[in-house]
Amino acid sequence: GILLKEVDRLLRPNGYFVYSAPPAYRKDKDFPVVWEKLVYLTTALCWKLIAQQVQTAIWIKEANQSCQLEHAKEKTLNLCTSKDDTSPSWQAPIKDCVNLSPRAEDINKLPPGPERLLLYSRSLETTGLHFFHV
């Protein structure tokens, strides 16, 4: 489950996670148990299953703070402390917790094309990283 929580940390709200099991798993007696655990974890992470066919499934990570807070209250999801939110994404140890998603109305829509390269991320501001144009 900790690796799926790491995927959650790296995945932007409204991003997609695709899981595809090799065909050999179809005959594996443990596959239903693995699938059940995967569904349990993605539900706890508040991801929405949007497509499933044979052994491939697609989830979307929705910005749903109320779902995350509810699952944290039920102890099915461990939320990271607020100080973890400002840690850099690179060279950081994997943690067995999930950062609270931003509220849907706080999510920046990325501009199209080359303008996106000039957009300064709010998450970079909170880590103290600054960039400049050359």
Foldseek 3Di string as FASTA:
>chain_A
DLVVLLVLQVAAAQGKDKDADPPVCVPPPCVVVVVVVVVLLCVQQVWAWDDDDDRMTMTGHHLDQVSNVVSVVVVSAAADDPVVLLDDSPPDDRDRHHHRGDHPVPDDDQDDDPVNVVDDDPSCVSNVDDDDDD
